[in-house]
PDB file of all heavy atoms in Angstrom:
ATOM      1  N   LEU A   1     -29.777  90.026 107.122  1.00  0.00           N
ATOM      2  CA  LEU A   1     -30.770  88.938 107.130  1.00  0.00           C
ATOM      3  C   LEU A   1     -31.223  88.582 105.697  1.00  0.00           C
ATOM      4  O   LEU A   1     -31.302  87.379 105.343  1.00  0.00           O
ATOM      5  CB  LEU A   1     -31.944  89.259 108.008  1.00  0.00           C
ATOM      6  CG  LEU A   1     -31.758  89.180 109.525  1.00  0.00           C
ATOM      7  CD1 LEU A   1     -32.932  89.762 110.241  1.00  0.00           C
ATOM      8  CD2 LEU A   1     -31.407  87.836 110.009  1.00  0.00           C
ATOM      9  N   LYS A   2     -31.467  89.606 104.924  1.00  0.00           N
ATOM     10  CA  LYS A   2     -31.896  89.336 103.533  1.00  0.00           C
ATOM     11  C   LYS A   2     -30.850  88.633 102.759  1.00  0.00           C
ATOM     12  O   LYS A   2     -31.034  87.678 101.976  1.00  0.00           O
ATOM     13  CB  LYS A   2     -32.246  90.662 102.801  1.00  0.00           C
ATOM     14  CG  LYS A   2     -33.650  91.170 103.125  1.00  0.00           C
ATOM     15  CD  LYS A   2     -33.829  92.576 102.424  1.00  0.00           C
ATOM     16  CE  LYS A   2     -35.240  92.997 102.616  1.00  0.00           C
ATOM     17  NZ  LYS A   2     -36.192  92.542 101.549  1.00  0.00           N
ATOM     18  N   GLY A   3     -29.555  89.057 102.983  1.00  0.00           N
ATOM     19  CA  GLY A   3     -28.409  88.378 102.267  1.00  0.00           C
ATOM     20  C   GLY A   3     -28.238  87.000 102.736  1.00  0.00           C
ATOM     21  O   GLY A   3     -27.971  86.121 101.928  1.00  0.00           O
ATOM     22  N   GLN A   4     -28.392  86.714 103.984  1.00  0.00           N
ATOM     23  CA  GLN A   4     -28.224  85.308 104.486  1.00  0.00           C
ATOM     24  C   GLN A   4     -29.320  84.448 103.995  1.00  0.00           C
ATOM     25  O   GLN A   4     -29.087  83.242 103.616  1.00  0.00           O
ATOM     26  CB  GLN A   4     -28.133  85.287 106.038  1.00  0.00           C
ATOM     27  CG  GLN A   4     -26.885  85.840 106.554  1.00  0.00           C
ATOM     28  CD  GLN A   4     -26.843  85.922 108.095  1.00  0.00           C
ATOM     29  OE1 GLN A   4     -27.851  85.720 108.745  1.00  0.00           O
ATOM     30  NE2 GLN A   4     -25.649  86.211 108.648  1.00  0.00           N
ATOM     31  N   ILE A   5     -30.543  84.936 103.971  1.00  0.00           N
ATOM     32  CA  ILE A   5     -31.630  84.161 103.454  1.00  0.00           C
ATOM     33  C   ILE A   5     -31.380  83.853 101.928  1.00  0.00           C
ATOM     34  O   ILE A   5     -31.676  82.802 101.438  1.00  0.00           O
ATOM     35  CB  ILE A   5     -32.981  84.871 103.694  1.00  0.00           C
ATOM     36  CG1 ILE A   5     -33.286  84.808 105.177  1.00  0.00           C
ATOM     37  CG2 ILE A   5     -34.093  84.240 102.881  1.00  0.00           C
ATOM     38  CD1 ILE A   5     -34.455  85.756 105.591  1.00  0.00           C
ATOM     39  N   SER A   6     -30.949  84.844 101.212  1.00  0.00           N
ATOM     40  CA  SER A   6     -30.663  84.709  99.830  1.00  0.00           C
ATOM     41  C   SER A   6     -29.597  83.621  99.527  1.00  0.00           C
ATOM     42  O   SER A   6     -29.778  82.786  98.655  1.00  0.00           O
ATOM     43  CB  SER A   6     -30.265  86.000  99.194  1.00  0.00           C
ATOM     44  OG  SER A   6     -29.894  85.861  97.832  1.00  0.00           O
ATOM     45  N   GLU A   7     -28.490  83.687 100.298  1.00  0.00           N
ATOM     46  CA  GLU A   7     -27.457  82.674 100.178  1.00  0.00           C
ATOM     47  C   GLU A   7     -28.010  81.257 100.414  1.00  0.00           C
ATOM     48  O   GLU A   7     -27.732  80.301  99.781  1.00  0.00           O
ATOM     49  CB  GLU A   7     -26.263  83.035 100.989  1.00  0.00           C
ATOM     50  CG  GLU A   7     -25.089  82.088 100.753  1.00  0.00           C
ATOM     51  CD  GLU A   7     -23.804  82.509 101.550  1.00  0.00           C
ATOM     52  OE1 GLU A   7     -23.879  82.247 102.784  1.00  0.00           O
ATOM     53  OE2 GLU A   7     -22.920  82.979 100.970  1.00  0.00           O
ATOM     54  N   LEU A   8     -28.757  81.136 101.571  1.00  0.00           N
ATOM     55  CA  LEU A   8     -29.404  79.851 101.944  1.00  0.00           C
ATOM     56  C   LEU A   8     -30.310  79.367 100.848  1.00  0.00           C
ATOM     57  O   LEU A   8     -30.263  78.152 100.512  1.00  0.00           O
ATOM     58  CB  LEU A   8     -30.130  80.018 103.237  1.00  0.00           C
ATOM     59  CG  LEU A   8     -30.927  78.762 103.744  1.00  0.00           C
ATOM     60  CD1 LEU A   8     -30.006  77.632 104.049  1.00  0.00           C
ATOM     61  CD2 LEU A   8     -31.803  79.058 104.915  1.00  0.00           C
ATOM     62  N   GLU A   9     -31.060  80.258 100.284  1.00  0.00           N
ATOM     63  CA  GLU A   9     -31.976  79.897  99.185  1.00  0.00           C
ATOM     64  C   GLU A   9     -31.208  79.309  97.934  1.00  0.00           C
ATOM     65  O   GLU A   9     -31.585  78.272  97.376  1.00  0.00           O
ATOM     66  CB  GLU A   9     -32.821  81.140  98.715  1.00  0.00           C
ATOM     67  CG  GLU A   9     -33.779  80.802  97.645  1.00  0.00           C
ATOM     68  CD  GLU A   9     -34.539  82.026  97.175  1.00  0.00           C
ATOM     69  OE1 GLU A   9     -33.876  83.114  96.980  1.00  0.00           O
ATOM     70  OE2 GLU A   9     -35.750  81.927  97.041  1.00  0.00           O
ATOM     71  N   LEU A  10     -30.083  79.915  97.659  1.00  0.00           N
ATOM     72  CA  LEU A  10     -29.274  79.454  96.557  1.00  0.00           C
ATOM     73  C   LEU A  10     -28.790  78.021  96.850  1.00  0.00           C
ATOM     74  O   LEU A  10     -28.757  77.161  95.966  1.00  0.00           O
ATOM     75  CB  LEU A  10     -28.066  80.396  96.324  1.00  0.00           C
ATOM     76  CG  LEU A  10     -27.152  80.089  95.146  1.00  0.00           C
ATOM     77  CD1 LEU A  10     -27.936  80.200  93.824  1.00  0.00           C
ATOM     78  CD2 LEU A  10     -26.009  81.099  95.133  1.00  0.00           C
ATOM     79  N   HIS A  11     -28.263  77.809  98.048  1.00  0.00           N
ATOM     80  CA  HIS A  11     -27.777  76.443  98.480  1.00  0.00           C
ATOM     81  C   HIS A  11     -28.970  75.454  98.406  1.00  0.00           C
ATOM     82  O   HIS A  11     -28.787  74.279  97.987  1.00  0.00           O
ATOM     83  CB  HIS A  11     -27.165  76.510  99.864  1.00  0.00           C
ATOM     84  CG  HIS A  11     -25.764  77.129  99.828  1.00  0.00           C
ATOM     85  ND1 HIS A  11     -24.713  76.626  99.142  1.00  0.00           N
ATOM     86  CD2 HIS A  11     -25.446  78.339 100.443  1.00  0.00           C
ATOM     87  CE1 HIS A  11     -23.671  77.453  99.336  1.00  0.00           C
ATOM     88  NE2 HIS A  11     -24.072  78.486 100.087  1.00  0.00           N
ATOM     89  N   THR A  12     -30.114  75.848  98.833  1.00  0.00           N
ATOM     90  CA  THR A  12     -31.300  74.946  98.846  1.00  0.00           C
ATOM     91  C   THR A  12     -31.632  74.607  97.473  1.00  0.00           C
ATOM     92  O   THR A  12     -31.954  73.395  97.183  1.00  0.00           O
ATOM     93  CB  THR A  12     -32.483  75.620  99.568  1.00  0.00           C
ATOM     94  OG1 THR A  12     -32.114  76.028 100.904  1.00  0.00           O
ATOM     95  CG2 THR A  12     -33.633  74.710  99.612  1.00  0.00           C
ATOM     96  N   ILE A  13     -31.670  75.572  96.496  1.00  0.00           N
ATOM     97  CA  ILE A  13     -32.000  75.264  95.101  1.00  0.00           C
ATOM     98  C   ILE A  13     -30.980  74.280  94.538  1.00  0.00           C
ATOM     99  O   ILE A  13     -31.324  73.327  93.877  1.00  0.00           O
ATOM    100  CB  ILE A  13     -32.010  76.572  94.282  1.00  0.00           C
ATOM    101  CG1 ILE A  13     -33.265  77.378  94.671  1.00  0.00           C
ATOM    102  CG2 ILE A  13     -32.055  76.271  92.777  1.00  0.00           C
ATOM    103  CD1 ILE A  13     -33.153  78.872  94.166  1.00  0.00           C
ATOM    104  N   ARG A  14     -29.648  74.489  94.807  1.00  0.00           N
ATOM    105  CA  ARG A  14     -28.638  73.612  94.269  1.00  0.00           C
ATOM    106  C   ARG A  14     -28.813  72.196  94.827  1.00  0.00           C
ATOM    107  O   ARG A  14     -28.679  71.236  94.063  1.00  0.00           O
ATOM    108  CB  ARG A  14     -27.232  74.185  94.605  1.00  0.00           C
ATOM    109  CG  ARG A  14     -26.773  75.316  93.774  1.00  0.00           C
ATOM    110  CD  ARG A  14     -25.366  75.702  94.091  1.00  0.00           C
ATOM    111  NE  ARG A  14     -24.934  76.796  93.354  1.00  0.00           N
ATOM    112  CZ  ARG A  14     -24.000  77.650  93.723  1.00  0.00           C
ATOM    113  NH1 ARG A  14     -23.463  77.565  94.835  1.00  0.00           N
ATOM    114  NH2 ARG A  14     -23.703  78.694  92.941  1.00  0.00           N
ATOM    115  N   ALA A  15     -29.088  72.148  96.184  1.00  0.00           N
ATOM    116  CA  ALA A  15     -29.263  70.836  96.739  1.00  0.00           C
ATOM    117  C   ALA A  15     -30.382  70.063  96.109  1.00  0.00           C
ATOM    118  O   ALA A  15     -30.299  68.888  95.885  1.00  0.00           O
ATOM    119  CB  ALA A  15     -29.441  70.987  98.266  1.00  0.00           C
ATOM    120  N   ARG A  16     -31.515  70.775  95.883  1.00  0.00           N
ATOM    121  CA  ARG A  16     -32.692  70.093  95.272  1.00  0.00           C
ATOM    122  C   ARG A  16     -32.322  69.629  93.868  1.00  0.00           C
ATOM    123  O   ARG A  16     -32.735  68.515  93.475  1.00  0.00           O
ATOM    124  CB  ARG A  16     -33.810  71.125  95.188  1.00  0.00           C
ATOM    125  CG  ARG A  16     -34.898  70.903  96.256  1.00  0.00           C
ATOM    126  CD  ARG A  16     -36.135  71.694  96.003  1.00  0.00           C
ATOM    127  NE  ARG A  16     -36.014  72.898  96.849  1.00  0.00           N
ATOM    128  CZ  ARG A  16     -36.289  74.125  96.522  1.00  0.00           C
ATOM    129  NH1 ARG A  16     -36.719  74.390  95.280  1.00  0.00           N
ATOM    130  NH2 ARG A  16     -36.145  75.117  97.300  1.00  0.00           N
ATOM    131  N   LEU A  17     -31.657  70.451  93.020  1.00  0.00           N
ATOM    132  CA  LEU A  17     -31.255  70.051  91.700  1.00  0.00           C
ATOM    133  C   LEU A  17     -30.373  68.893  91.744  1.00  0.00           C
ATOM    134  O   LEU A  17     -30.561  67.926  90.905  1.00  0.00           O
ATOM    135  CB  LEU A  17     -30.631  71.215  90.983  1.00  0.00           C
ATOM    136  CG  LEU A  17     -31.572  72.353  90.617  1.00  0.00           C
ATOM    137  CD1 LEU A  17     -30.765  73.566  90.062  1.00  0.00           C
ATOM    138  CD2 LEU A  17     -32.632  71.954  89.634  1.00  0.00           C
ATOM    139  N   THR A  18     -29.383  68.852  92.622  1.00  0.00           N
ATOM    140  CA  THR A  18     -28.410  67.759  92.685  1.00  0.00           C
ATOM    141  C   THR A  18     -29.119  66.505  93.127  1.00  0.00           C
ATOM    142  O   THR A  18     -28.848  65.389  92.561  1.00  0.00           O
ATOM    143  CB  THR A  18     -27.315  68.134  93.745  1.00  0.00           C
ATOM    144  OG1 THR A  18     -26.662  69.334  93.273  1.00  0.00           O
ATOM    145  CG2 THR A  18     -26.251  66.986  93.838  1.00  0.00           C
ATOM    146  N   ALA A  19     -30.020  66.597  94.090  1.00  0.00           N
ATOM    147  CA  ALA A  19     -30.799  65.420  94.527  1.00  0.00           C
ATOM    148  C   ALA A  19     -31.555  64.796  93.416  1.00  0.00           C
ATOM    149  O   ALA A  19     -31.666  63.610  93.279  1.00  0.00           O
ATOM    150  CB  ALA A  19     -31.688  65.788  95.702  1.00  0.00           C
ATOM    151  N   GLY A  20     -32.189  65.680  92.600  1.00  0.00           N
ATOM    152  CA  GLY A  20     -32.968  65.170  91.418  1.00  0.00           C
ATOM    153  C   GLY A  20     -32.091  64.456  90.408  1.00  0.00           C
ATOM    154  O   GLY A  20     -32.470  63.399  89.900  1.00  0.00           O
ATOM    155  N   VAL A  21     -30.910  65.037  90.127  1.00  0.00           N
ATOM    156  CA  VAL A  21     -29.978  64.350  89.184  1.00  0.00           C
ATOM    157  C   VAL A  21     -29.515  63.085  89.696  1.00  0.00           C
ATOM    158  O   VAL A  21     -29.504  62.025  88.948  1.00  0.00           O
ATOM    159  CB  VAL A  21     -28.764  65.343  88.962  1.00  0.00           C
ATOM    160  CG1 VAL A  21     -27.629  64.569  88.207  1.00  0.00           C
ATOM    161  CG2 VAL A  21     -29.205  66.511  88.099  1.00  0.00           C
ATOM    162  N   LEU A  22     -29.152  62.984  91.026  1.00  0.00           N
ATOM    163  CA  LEU A  22     -28.690  61.750  91.582  1.00  0.00           C
ATOM    164  C   LEU A  22     -29.787  60.646  91.622  1.00  0.00           C
ATOM    165  O   LEU A  22     -29.566  59.480  91.335  1.00  0.00           O
ATOM    166  CB  LEU A  22     -28.187  61.978  92.987  1.00  0.00           C
ATOM    167  CG  LEU A  22     -26.889  62.724  93.120  1.00  0.00           C
ATOM    168  CD1 LEU A  22     -26.599  63.055  94.621  1.00  0.00           C
ATOM    169  CD2 LEU A  22     -25.740  62.052  92.509  1.00  0.00           C
ATOM    170  N   SER A  23     -31.011  61.050  91.881  1.00  0.00           N
ATOM    171  CA  SER A  23     -32.107  60.161  91.908  1.00  0.00           C
ATOM    172  C   SER A  23     -32.389  59.542  90.510  1.00  0.00           C
ATOM    173  O   SER A  23     -32.544  58.372  90.388  1.00  0.00           O
ATOM    174  CB  SER A  23     -33.395  60.870  92.379  1.00  0.00           C
ATOM    175  OG  SER A  23     -34.464  60.022  92.386  1.00  0.00           O
ATOM    176  N   LYS A  24     -32.262  60.413  89.481  1.00  0.00           N
ATOM    177  CA  LYS A  24     -32.482  59.886  88.110  1.00  0.00           C
ATOM    178  C   LYS A  24     -31.320  58.939  87.772  1.00  0.00           C
ATOM    179  O   LYS A  24     -31.540  57.891  87.110  1.00  0.00           O
ATOM    180  CB  LYS A  24     -32.474  61.027  87.115  1.00  0.00           C
ATOM    181  CG  LYS A  24     -33.838  61.665  86.820  1.00  0.00           C
ATOM    182  CD  LYS A  24     -33.736  62.676  85.735  1.00  0.00           C
ATOM    183  CE  LYS A  24     -35.112  63.053  85.225  1.00  0.00           C
ATOM    184  NZ  LYS A  24     -35.065  63.910  84.125  1.00  0.00           N
ATOM    185  N   ALA A  25     -30.104  59.281  88.179  1.00  0.00           N
ATOM    186  CA  ALA A  25     -28.933  58.434  87.836  1.00  0.00           C
ATOM    187  C   ALA A  25     -29.102  57.052  88.552  1.00  0.00           C
ATOM    188  O   ALA A  25     -28.804  56.061  87.895  1.00  0.00           O
ATOM    189  CB  ALA A  25     -27.663  59.119  88.332  1.00  0.00           C
ATOM    190  N   LYS A  26     -29.549  57.021  89.794  1.00  0.00           N
ATOM    191  CA  LYS A  26     -29.765  55.737  90.484  1.00  0.00           C
ATOM    192  C   LYS A  26     -30.745  54.838  89.770  1.00  0.00           C
ATOM    193  O   LYS A  26     -30.623  53.627  89.780  1.00  0.00           O
ATOM    194  CB  LYS A  26     -30.181  56.008  91.927  1.00  0.00           C
ATOM    195  CG  LYS A  26     -29.091  56.456  92.839  1.00  0.00           C
ATOM    196  CD  LYS A  26     -29.578  56.740  94.212  1.00  0.00           C
ATOM    197  CE  LYS A  26     -28.495  57.325  95.079  1.00  0.00           C
ATOM    198  NZ  LYS A  26     -28.980  57.778  96.401  1.00  0.00           N
ATOM    199  N   ARG A  27     -31.776  55.492  89.164  1.00  0.00           N
ATOM    200  CA  ARG A  27     -32.794  54.725  88.435  1.00  0.00           C
ATOM    201  C   ARG A  27     -32.375  54.389  87.028  1.00  0.00           C
ATOM    202  O   ARG A  27     -33.088  53.655  86.282  1.00  0.00           O
ATOM    203  CB  ARG A  27     -34.111  55.519  88.363  1.00  0.00           C
ATOM    204  CG  ARG A  27     -34.864  55.703  89.659  1.00  0.00           C
ATOM    205  CD  ARG A  27     -36.251  56.222  89.426  1.00  0.00           C
ATOM    206  NE  ARG A  27     -36.385  57.327  88.541  1.00  0.00           N
ATOM    207  CZ  ARG A  27     -36.287  58.627  88.869  1.00  0.00           C
ATOM    208  NH1 ARG A  27     -36.109  58.930  90.175  1.00  0.00           N
ATOM    209  NH2 ARG A  27     -36.347  59.581  87.999  1.00  0.00           N
ATOM    210  N   GLY A  28     -31.237  54.937  86.614  1.00  0.00           N
ATOM    211  CA  GLY A  28     -30.725  54.687  85.235  1.00  0.00           C
ATOM    212  C   GLY A  28     -31.475  55.530  84.230  1.00  0.00           C
ATOM    213  O   GLY A  28     -31.494  55.205  83.056  1.00  0.00           O
ATOM    214  N   GLU A  29     -32.091  56.611  84.602  1.00  0.00           N
ATOM    215  CA  GLU A  29     -32.883  57.457  83.717  1.00  0.00           C
ATOM    216  C   GLU A  29     -32.235  58.791  83.450  1.00  0.00           C
ATOM    217  O   GLU A  29     -32.808  59.649  82.784  1.00  0.00           O
ATOM    218  CB  GLU A  29     -34.242  57.688  84.311  1.00  0.00           C
ATOM    219  CG  GLU A  29     -35.093  56.438  84.466  1.00  0.00           C
ATOM    220  CD  GLU A  29     -36.423  56.684  85.175  1.00  0.00           C
ATOM    221  OE1 GLU A  29     -36.718  57.851  85.417  1.00  0.00           O
ATOM    222  OE2 GLU A  29     -37.060  55.710  85.388  1.00  0.00           O
ATOM    223  N   LEU A  30     -31.000  58.996  83.880  1.00  0.00           N
ATOM    224  CA  LEU A  30     -30.331  60.236  83.610  1.00  0.00           C
ATOM    225  C   LEU A  30     -29.774  60.304  82.205  1.00  0.00           C
ATOM    226  O   LEU A  30     -28.947  59.555  81.862  1.00  0.00           O
ATOM    227  CB  LEU A  30     -29.118  60.430  84.596  1.00  0.00           C
ATOM    228  CG  LEU A  30     -28.391  61.736  84.489  1.00  0.00           C
ATOM    229  CD1 LEU A  30     -29.303  62.969  84.820  1.00  0.00           C
ATOM    230  CD2 LEU A  30     -27.169  61.795  85.473  1.00  0.00           C
ATOM    231  N   ALA A  31     -30.352  61.240  81.436  1.00  0.00           N
ATOM    232  CA  ALA A  31     -29.978  61.340  80.013  1.00  0.00           C
ATOM    233  C   ALA A  31     -29.074  62.577  79.903  1.00  0.00           C
ATOM    234  O   ALA A  31     -29.509  63.689  79.908  1.00  0.00           O
ATOM    235  CB  ALA A  31     -31.206  61.466  79.128  1.00  0.00           C
ATOM    236  N   LEU A  32     -27.830  62.326  79.633  1.00  0.00           N
ATOM    237  CA  LEU A  32     -26.865  63.373  79.429  1.00  0.00           C
ATOM    238  C   LEU A  32     -26.819  63.784  77.943  1.00  0.00           C
ATOM    239  O   LEU A  32     -27.238  62.934  77.127  1.00  0.00           O
ATOM    240  CB  LEU A  32     -25.482  62.957  79.894  1.00  0.00           C
ATOM    241  CG  LEU A  32     -25.359  62.592  81.390  1.00  0.00           C
ATOM    242  CD1 LEU A  32     -23.942  62.112  81.662  1.00  0.00           C
ATOM    243  CD2 LEU A  32     -25.709  63.779  82.244  1.00  0.00           C
ATOM    244  N   SER A  33     -26.296  64.966  77.580  1.00  0.00           N
ATOM    245  CA  SER A  33     -26.164  65.353  76.244  1.00  0.00           C
ATOM    246  C   SER A  33     -25.173  64.359  75.521  1.00  0.00           C
ATOM    247  O   SER A  33     -24.149  64.014  76.085  1.00  0.00           O
ATOM    248  CB  SER A  33     -25.592  66.765  76.143  1.00  0.00           C
ATOM    249  OG  SER A  33     -26.515  67.649  76.737  1.00  0.00           O
ATOM    250  N   LEU A  34     -25.559  63.992  74.348  1.00  0.00           N
ATOM    251  CA  LEU A  34     -24.790  63.043  73.527  1.00  0.00           C
ATOM    252  C   LEU A  34     -23.778  63.790  72.636  1.00  0.00           C
ATOM    253  O   LEU A  34     -24.100  64.820  72.100  1.00  0.00           O
ATOM    254  CB  LEU A  34     -25.672  62.121  72.769  1.00  0.00           C
ATOM    255  CG  LEU A  34     -26.556  61.203  73.593  1.00  0.00           C
ATOM    256  CD1 LEU A  34     -27.582  60.521  72.687  1.00  0.00           C
ATOM    257  CD2 LEU A  34     -25.809  60.202  74.360  1.00  0.00           C
ATOM    258  N   PRO A  35     -22.650  63.137  72.317  1.00  0.00           N
ATOM    259  CA  PRO A  35     -21.739  63.787  71.389  1.00  0.00           C
ATOM    260  C   PRO A  35     -22.336  63.783  69.994  1.00  0.00           C
ATOM    261  O   PRO A  35     -23.227  62.957  69.679  1.00  0.00           O
ATOM    262  CB  PRO A  35     -20.469  62.957  71.469  1.00  0.00           C
ATOM    263  CG  PRO A  35     -20.809  61.717  72.167  1.00  0.00           C
ATOM    264  CD  PRO A  35     -22.102  61.942  72.924  1.00  0.00           C
ATOM    265  N   THR A  36     -21.825  64.616  69.163  1.00  0.00           N
ATOM    266  CA  THR A  36     -22.254  64.734  67.724  1.00  0.00           C
ATOM    267  C   THR A  36     -22.131  63.301  67.088  1.00  0.00           C
ATOM    268  O   THR A  36     -21.102  62.613  67.255  1.00  0.00           O
ATOM    269  CB  THR A  36     -21.400  65.699  66.968  1.00  0.00           C
ATOM    270  OG1 THR A  36     -21.461  66.975  67.623  1.00  0.00           O
ATOM    271  CG2 THR A  36     -21.844  65.860  65.509  1.00  0.00           C
ATOM    272  N   GLY A  37     -23.160  62.977  66.393  1.00  0.00           N
ATOM    273  CA  GLY A  37     -23.160  61.582  65.666  1.00  0.00           C
ATOM    274  C   GLY A  37     -23.943  60.574  66.341  1.00  0.00           C
ATOM    275  O   GLY A  37     -24.174  59.521  65.763  1.00  0.00           O
ATOM    276  N   LEU A  38     -24.331  60.855  67.636  1.00  0.00           N
ATOM    277  CA  LEU A  38     -25.113  59.902  68.291  1.00  0.00           C
ATOM    278  C   LEU A  38     -26.467  60.498  68.572  1.00  0.00           C
ATOM    279  O   LEU A  38     -26.591  61.700  68.701  1.00  0.00           O
ATOM    280  CB  LEU A  38     -24.414  59.461  69.672  1.00  0.00           C
ATOM    281  CG  LEU A  38     -23.084  58.753  69.544  1.00  0.00           C
ATOM    282  CD1 LEU A  38     -22.505  58.507  70.919  1.00  0.00           C
ATOM    283  CD2 LEU A  38     -23.196  57.451  68.752  1.00  0.00           C
ATOM    284  N   ALA A  39     -27.492  59.682  68.798  1.00  0.00           N
ATOM    285  CA  ALA A  39     -28.822  60.098  69.090  1.00  0.00           C
ATOM    286  C   ALA A  39     -29.452  59.105  70.007  1.00  0.00           C
ATOM    287  O   ALA A  39     -28.970  58.002  70.208  1.00  0.00           O
ATOM    288  CB  ALA A  39     -29.639  60.243  67.777  1.00  0.00           C
TER     289      ALA A  39
END
């Protein structure tokens, strides 16, 4: 049970992070790392 809860928790954390990234991208606020020479 501990192992299954742990795996579920990992998937939940990933889903939350992905949802946050997608939400920022939809609003046009997702700032990715820029290549050298740009700021």
